[in-house]
Structures are given as C-alpha cells and as structure tokens.
Amino acid sequence: MISNWLRRRRRRRIYTFYEGTVRRRLDPLETLRLLGDDDEFRLNLHPALAALGDDEAIAICVRAARRALRLTYSGLTDPQTLALLDQYFEYLRRLKAQHQPAADMATAYGADVLALERTDYERFVGLWLNLSRAQLRQANCTRAGVEASLGVMLTGEPLPRRWFDAGSDTPAEAEHRYRTAR
C-alpha cells in the first residue's frame, strides 16, 4: 500500500528543473497549491508587481518560490530564484496550451477525469489548468440560450431549425421540437 502511494507520488513529479547543479522533480499541482495557500504570496498580484520592479513584491515572490519549489540550495541569488519561478509559470502556460483541445473535448463529451489522474497525470494537470476556460465556455452556451429566448420573446421570430438540430439526438426529435416551439 505504501509502495503504491510512493509510486503514484513519483509518477506525478512531471515538472523538472535544475536547482544549481541538482535536477529536481515536482508535482506541478502540488506546487501550485503551495503557492495558492501561501500566507503572504498572491498569485494574481505579486508576480506582476515583481515584473514591474516592486522590491517588496520581489522579496515575497522569492520567499514563496523557495517554499513552493522546495529550494534547498542557499547559493541561489534572488534573480536566479525568480527565474526558477518564471520557468515554472512558463511550464504551466505551455502545459495549459498543450491540453486545451483535451479540455474542450472533456467539456463537450465528458471524460472520466479521475481515471486520467491515475493513467495520464500530465493530461490531468492540463485539464485542471483549463478548468476555468471550460467553465466559461459552458457559461457562454447558457448565454446563447438566454439570448435566443429573449430574441424570440422580443421579435416574435421563431428560432431557426439548426438550433433544434444541434440540441436533438435525431432528426425526428429536432423536427418535433421545432414544430412544437412555433
């Protein structure tokens, strides 16, 4: 049981970087959770302020990076530590972009995401990073439905047949719904 837990934990360490001369491997979601749970670091604030040269934000980012990336080599300078944090964020951006199509497919057609966590952890992380995008796409579908309903109410014009085709399993069902709506 413990060996399975250790094996799964090792398999999740897909993010690789060098701390000085030592190669390190981390779980990117665990690292992101550590950054999100950090008492002084704000993911949506401090990196942007640090990029603008704010000394306090730079110091906060350096401390958060050392904690979240579990940096142990004390010889790293602050700029080197910030570079490691930037490298981590760039990795997340690439991973998110790489798995956008899979996130869209999972949203559109459903997926056993828990199985992906066990079998393809990198794809699972990519889906997780695209979660807000997938939620916005679903909200956009709801918005389109509301706009269509309001359009019918305000103009009196019926919805086009293609609207019912897209929401039906068979042409007969689409035809029935189209005729009923008129």
C-alpha atoms as a PDB file:
ATOM      1  CA  MET A   1       0.000   0.000   0.000  1.00  0.00           C
ATOM      2  CA  ILE A   2       2.753   2.450   0.904  1.00  0.00           C
ATOM      3  CA  SER A   3       4.755   1.420  -2.159  1.00  0.00           C
ATOM      4  CA  ASN A   4       1.734   2.218  -4.382  1.00  0.00           C
ATOM      5  CA  TRP A   5       1.438   5.651  -2.775  1.00  0.00           C
ATOM      6  CA  LEU A   6       5.150   6.334  -3.295  1.00  0.00           C
ATOM      7  CA  ARG A   7       4.996   5.118  -6.914  1.00  0.00           C
ATOM      8  CA  ARG A   8       1.967   7.355  -7.636  1.00  0.00           C
ATOM      9  CA  ARG A   9       3.682  10.289  -5.955  1.00  0.00           C
ATOM     10  CA  ARG A  10       6.829   9.756  -8.054  1.00  0.00           C
ATOM     11  CA  ARG A  11       4.738   9.493 -11.235  1.00  0.00           C
ATOM     12  CA  ARG A  12       3.191  12.894 -10.501  1.00  0.00           C
ATOM     13  CA  ARG A  13       6.537  14.652 -10.356  1.00  0.00           C
ATOM     14  CA  ILE A  14       6.455  15.688 -14.005  1.00  0.00           C
ATOM     15  CA  TYR A  15       7.917  19.173 -13.657  1.00  0.00           C
ATOM     16  CA  THR A  16      11.730  19.075 -13.884  1.00  0.00           C
ATOM     17  CA  PHE A  17      14.207  21.894 -13.250  1.00  0.00           C
ATOM     18  CA  TYR A  18      17.745  22.410 -12.036  1.00  0.00           C
ATOM     19  CA  GLU A  19      18.470  23.923  -8.649  1.00  0.00           C
ATOM     20  CA  GLY A  20      22.106  24.815  -9.055  1.00  0.00           C
ATOM     21  CA  THR A  21      23.524  21.534 -10.370  1.00  0.00           C
ATOM     22  CA  VAL A  22      20.867  19.262  -8.850  1.00  0.00           C
ATOM     23  CA  ARG A  23      17.982  18.084 -11.015  1.00  0.00           C
ATOM     24  CA  ARG A  24      14.669  18.423  -9.165  1.00  0.00           C
ATOM     25  CA  ARG A  25      11.254  16.920  -9.956  1.00  0.00           C
ATOM     26  CA  LEU A  26       7.987  18.280  -8.564  1.00  0.00           C
ATOM     27  CA  ASP A  27       4.261  17.708  -8.867  1.00  0.00           C
ATOM     28  CA  PRO A  28       3.072  20.889 -10.632  1.00  0.00           C
ATOM     29  CA  LEU A  29      -0.347  20.881  -8.952  1.00  0.00           C
ATOM     30  CA  GLU A  30       1.102  20.386  -5.503  1.00  0.00           C
ATOM     31  CA  THR A  31       3.458  23.303  -6.197  1.00  0.00           C
ATOM     32  CA  LEU A  32       0.575  25.460  -7.430  1.00  0.00           C
ATOM     33  CA  ARG A  33      -1.437  24.582  -4.311  1.00  0.00           C
ATOM     34  CA  LEU A  34       1.513  25.566  -2.120  1.00  0.00           C
ATOM     35  CA  LEU A  35       1.724  28.921  -3.898  1.00  0.00           C
ATOM     36  CA  GLY A  36      -2.044  29.401  -3.583  1.00  0.00           C
ATOM     37  CA  ASP A  37      -2.021  28.542   0.119  1.00  0.00           C
ATOM     38  CA  ASP A  38       0.967  30.768   0.877  1.00  0.00           C
ATOM     39  CA  ASP A  39       0.121  33.305   3.594  1.00  0.00           C
ATOM     40  CA  GLU A  40       1.905  36.270   2.028  1.00  0.00           C
ATOM     41  CA  PHE A  41       2.060  35.459  -1.712  1.00  0.00           C
ATOM     42  CA  ARG A  42      -0.861  36.310  -4.038  1.00  0.00           C
ATOM     43  CA  LEU A  43      -0.609  34.620  -7.413  1.00  0.00           C
ATOM     44  CA  ASN A  44      -2.693  37.278  -9.164  1.00  0.00           C
ATOM     45  CA  LEU A  45      -0.725  40.193  -7.672  1.00  0.00           C
ATOM     46  CA  HIS A  46       2.889  39.657  -6.652  1.00  0.00           C
ATOM     47  CA  PRO A  47       4.399  38.246  -9.899  1.00  0.00           C
ATOM     48  CA  ALA A  48       3.028  41.214 -11.862  1.00  0.00           C
ATOM     49  CA  LEU A  49       4.324  43.702  -9.295  1.00  0.00           C
ATOM     50  CA  ALA A  50       7.700  41.940  -9.224  1.00  0.00           C
ATOM     51  CA  ALA A  51       7.910  42.232 -13.022  1.00  0.00           C
ATOM     52  CA  LEU A  52       7.432  45.993 -12.599  1.00  0.00           C
ATOM     53  CA  GLY A  53      10.367  46.103 -10.169  1.00  0.00           C
ATOM     54  CA  ASP A  54       8.495  46.424  -6.856  1.00  0.00           C
ATOM     55  CA  ASP A  55      11.108  45.441  -4.237  1.00  0.00           C
ATOM     56  CA  GLU A  56       8.599  44.158  -1.681  1.00  0.00           C
ATOM     57  CA  ALA A  57       6.831  42.011  -4.314  1.00  0.00           C
ATOM     58  CA  ILE A  58      10.183  40.643  -5.474  1.00  0.00           C
ATOM     59  CA  ALA A  59      11.058  39.629  -1.914  1.00  0.00           C
ATOM     60  CA  ILE A  60       7.635  37.988  -1.440  1.00  0.00           C
ATOM     61  CA  CYS A  61       7.990  36.094  -4.740  1.00  0.00           C
ATOM     62  CA  VAL A  62      11.473  34.891  -3.812  1.00  0.00           C
ATOM     63  CA  ARG A  63      10.314  33.603  -0.419  1.00  0.00           C
ATOM     64  CA  ALA A  64       7.233  31.938  -1.933  1.00  0.00           C
ATOM     65  CA  ALA A  65       9.327  30.330  -4.687  1.00  0.00           C
ATOM     66  CA  ARG A  66      11.768  28.926  -2.155  1.00  0.00           C
ATOM     67  CA  ARG A  67       8.898  27.401  -0.175  1.00  0.00           C
ATOM     68  CA  ALA A  68       6.769  26.111  -3.057  1.00  0.00           C
ATOM     69  CA  LEU A  69       9.639  24.849  -5.232  1.00  0.00           C
ATOM     70  CA  ARG A  70      11.287  23.424  -2.101  1.00  0.00           C
ATOM     71  CA  LEU A  71      14.585  25.076  -2.908  1.00  0.00           C
ATOM     72  CA  THR A  72      17.366  23.919  -0.621  1.00  0.00           C
ATOM     73  CA  TYR A  73      20.485  25.332  -2.298  1.00  0.00           C
ATOM     74  CA  SER A  74      21.297  28.507  -0.401  1.00  0.00           C
ATOM     75  CA  GLY A  75      23.659  29.760  -3.100  1.00  0.00           C
ATOM     76  CA  LEU A  76      20.836  30.820  -5.429  1.00  0.00           C
ATOM     77  CA  THR A  77      20.529  34.567  -5.786  1.00  0.00           C
ATOM     78  CA  ASP A  78      17.160  36.317  -5.761  1.00  0.00           C
ATOM     79  CA  PRO A  79      17.217  36.816  -9.560  1.00  0.00           C
ATOM     80  CA  GLN A  80      18.029  33.107 -10.044  1.00  0.00           C
ATOM     81  CA  THR A  81      15.175  32.152  -7.723  1.00  0.00           C
ATOM     82  CA  LEU A  82      12.784  34.446  -9.615  1.00  0.00           C
ATOM     83  CA  ALA A  83      13.979  32.876 -12.864  1.00  0.00           C
ATOM     84  CA  LEU A  84      13.074  29.430 -11.496  1.00  0.00           C
ATOM     85  CA  LEU A  85       9.615  30.718 -10.562  1.00  0.00           C
ATOM     86  CA  ASP A  86       9.210  32.243 -14.050  1.00  0.00           C
ATOM     87  CA  GLN A  87      10.342  28.945 -15.581  1.00  0.00           C
ATOM     88  CA  TYR A  88       7.684  27.112 -13.545  1.00  0.00           C
ATOM     89  CA  PHE A  89       4.947  29.536 -14.671  1.00  0.00           C
ATOM     90  CA  GLU A  90       6.090  29.171 -18.302  1.00  0.00           C
ATOM     91  CA  TYR A  91       5.856  25.382 -17.923  1.00  0.00           C
ATOM     92  CA  LEU A  92       2.270  25.760 -16.665  1.00  0.00           C
ATOM     93  CA  ARG A  93       1.394  28.061 -19.611  1.00  0.00           C
ATOM     94  CA  ARG A  94       2.805  25.552 -22.121  1.00  0.00           C
ATOM     95  CA  LEU A  95       1.047  22.637 -20.435  1.00  0.00           C
ATOM     96  CA  LYS A  96      -2.249  24.514 -20.365  1.00  0.00           C
ATOM     97  CA  ALA A  97      -2.000  25.416 -24.057  1.00  0.00           C
ATOM     98  CA  GLN A  98      -0.958  21.888 -24.987  1.00  0.00           C
ATOM     99  CA  HIS A  99      -4.031  20.372 -23.347  1.00  0.00           C
ATOM    100  CA  GLN A 100      -6.678  22.927 -24.351  1.00  0.00           C
ATOM    101  CA  PRO A 101      -8.151  20.629 -27.014  1.00  0.00           C
ATOM    102  CA  ALA A 102      -8.446  17.806 -24.477  1.00  0.00           C
ATOM    103  CA  ALA A 103     -10.151  20.174 -22.020  1.00  0.00           C
ATOM    104  CA  ASP A 104     -12.611  21.234 -24.700  1.00  0.00           C
ATOM    105  CA  MET A 105     -13.300  17.600 -25.594  1.00  0.00           C
ATOM    106  CA  ALA A 106     -13.853  16.644 -21.950  1.00  0.00           C
ATOM    107  CA  THR A 107     -16.263  19.547 -21.567  1.00  0.00           C
ATOM    108  CA  ALA A 108     -18.127  18.731 -24.736  1.00  0.00           C
ATOM    109  CA  TYR A 109     -18.264  14.944 -24.435  1.00  0.00           C
ATOM    110  CA  GLY A 110     -17.455  14.117 -20.812  1.00  0.00           C
ATOM    111  CA  ALA A 111     -14.476  12.211 -19.524  1.00  0.00           C
ATOM    112  CA  ASP A 112     -13.533  10.024 -16.621  1.00  0.00           C
ATOM    113  CA  VAL A 113     -11.125  12.601 -15.249  1.00  0.00           C
ATOM    114  CA  LEU A 114     -10.312  10.540 -12.169  1.00  0.00           C
ATOM    115  CA  ALA A 115      -9.055   7.746 -14.420  1.00  0.00           C
ATOM    116  CA  LEU A 116      -6.886  10.297 -16.225  1.00  0.00           C
ATOM    117  CA  GLU A 117      -5.366  11.287 -12.902  1.00  0.00           C
ATOM    118  CA  ARG A 118      -4.146   7.699 -12.484  1.00  0.00           C
ATOM    119  CA  THR A 119      -3.212   6.916 -16.086  1.00  0.00           C
ATOM    120  CA  ASP A 120      -2.054  10.203 -17.668  1.00  0.00           C
ATOM    121  CA  TYR A 121      -1.234  12.690 -14.959  1.00  0.00           C
ATOM    122  CA  GLU A 122       0.199  15.269 -17.335  1.00  0.00           C
ATOM    123  CA  ARG A 123      -3.099  15.402 -19.251  1.00  0.00           C
ATOM    124  CA  PHE A 124      -4.995  15.576 -15.933  1.00  0.00           C
ATOM    125  CA  VAL A 125      -2.926  18.628 -14.917  1.00  0.00           C
ATOM    126  CA  GLY A 126      -3.574  20.189 -18.323  1.00  0.00           C
ATOM    127  CA  LEU A 127      -7.322  19.657 -17.915  1.00  0.00           C
ATOM    128  CA  TRP A 128      -7.209  21.102 -14.421  1.00  0.00           C
ATOM    129  CA  LEU A 129      -5.375  24.186 -15.686  1.00  0.00           C
ATOM    130  CA  ASN A 130      -8.077  24.631 -18.363  1.00  0.00           C
ATOM    131  CA  LEU A 131     -10.946  24.268 -15.896  1.00  0.00           C
ATOM    132  CA  SER A 132     -11.862  27.962 -15.816  1.00  0.00           C
ATOM    133  CA  ARG A 133     -11.766  28.079 -19.635  1.00  0.00           C
ATOM    134  CA  ALA A 134     -14.115  25.096 -19.825  1.00  0.00           C
ATOM    135  CA  GLN A 135     -16.469  26.711 -17.314  1.00  0.00           C
ATOM    136  CA  LEU A 136     -16.509  29.951 -19.327  1.00  0.00           C
ATOM    137  CA  ARG A 137     -17.347  28.002 -22.474  1.00  0.00           C
ATOM    138  CA  GLN A 138     -20.295  26.375 -20.682  1.00  0.00           C
ATOM    139  CA  ALA A 139     -21.445  29.785 -19.429  1.00  0.00           C
ATOM    140  CA  ASN A 140     -21.232  31.097 -22.990  1.00  0.00           C
ATOM    141  CA  CYS A 141     -23.587  28.300 -24.118  1.00  0.00           C
ATOM    142  CA  THR A 142     -26.055  29.318 -21.411  1.00  0.00           C
ATOM    143  CA  ARG A 143     -25.757  32.945 -22.524  1.00  0.00           C
ATOM    144  CA  ALA A 144     -26.531  31.922 -26.106  1.00  0.00           C
ATOM    145  CA  GLY A 145     -29.661  30.128 -24.895  1.00  0.00           C
ATOM    146  CA  VAL A 146     -30.838  33.158 -22.936  1.00  0.00           C
ATOM    147  CA  GLU A 147     -30.172  35.448 -25.896  1.00  0.00           C
ATOM    148  CA  ALA A 148     -32.126  33.105 -28.173  1.00  0.00           C
ATOM    149  CA  SER A 149     -35.077  33.058 -25.773  1.00  0.00           C
ATOM    150  CA  LEU A 150     -35.064  36.821 -25.412  1.00  0.00           C
ATOM    151  CA  GLY A 151     -34.819  37.221 -29.162  1.00  0.00           C
ATOM    152  CA  VAL A 152     -37.915  35.065 -29.654  1.00  0.00           C
ATOM    153  CA  MET A 153     -39.818  36.978 -26.984  1.00  0.00           C
ATOM    154  CA  LEU A 154     -38.833  40.427 -28.275  1.00  0.00           C
ATOM    155  CA  THR A 155     -39.067  39.871 -32.015  1.00  0.00           C
ATOM    156  CA  GLY A 156     -41.650  37.111 -32.212  1.00  0.00           C
ATOM    157  CA  GLU A 157     -39.410  35.333 -34.731  1.00  0.00           C
ATOM    158  CA  PRO A 158     -39.012  31.590 -34.158  1.00  0.00           C
ATOM    159  CA  LEU A 159     -35.622  30.032 -33.595  1.00  0.00           C
ATOM    160  CA  PRO A 160     -34.022  28.627 -36.742  1.00  0.00           C
ATOM    161  CA  ARG A 161     -34.277  24.902 -37.411  1.00  0.00           C
ATOM    162  CA  ARG A 162     -30.494  24.466 -36.883  1.00  0.00           C
ATOM    163  CA  TRP A 163     -30.993  25.448 -33.220  1.00  0.00           C
ATOM    164  CA  PHE A 164     -33.171  22.361 -32.714  1.00  0.00           C
ATOM    165  CA  ASP A 165     -30.885  20.153 -34.812  1.00  0.00           C
ATOM    166  CA  ALA A 166     -27.963  20.989 -32.519  1.00  0.00           C
ATOM    167  CA  GLY A 167     -29.937  20.154 -29.365  1.00  0.00           C
ATOM    168  CA  SER A 168     -31.578  16.925 -30.531  1.00  0.00           C
ATOM    169  CA  ASP A 169     -30.414  13.341 -30.860  1.00  0.00           C
ATOM    170  CA  THR A 170     -32.357  12.529 -34.027  1.00  0.00           C
ATOM    171  CA  PRO A 171     -33.766  14.479 -36.965  1.00  0.00           C
ATOM    172  CA  ALA A 172     -37.277  13.396 -35.947  1.00  0.00           C
ATOM    173  CA  GLU A 173     -36.802  14.789 -32.453  1.00  0.00           C
ATOM    174  CA  ALA A 174     -35.455  18.047 -33.923  1.00  0.00           C
ATOM    175  CA  GLU A 175     -38.438  18.328 -36.232  1.00  0.00           C
ATOM    176  CA  HIS A 176     -40.895  17.676 -33.369  1.00  0.00           C
ATOM    177  CA  ARG A 177     -39.231  20.277 -31.127  1.00  0.00           C
ATOM    178  CA  TYR A 178     -39.095  22.782 -33.989  1.00  0.00           C
ATOM    179  CA  ARG A 179     -42.808  22.399 -34.750  1.00  0.00           C
ATOM    180  CA  THR A 180     -43.777  22.486 -31.051  1.00  0.00           C
ATOM    181  CA  ALA A 181     -41.826  25.710 -30.491  1.00  0.00           C
ATOM    182  CA  ARG A 182     -43.665  27.565 -33.256  1.00  0.00           C
END
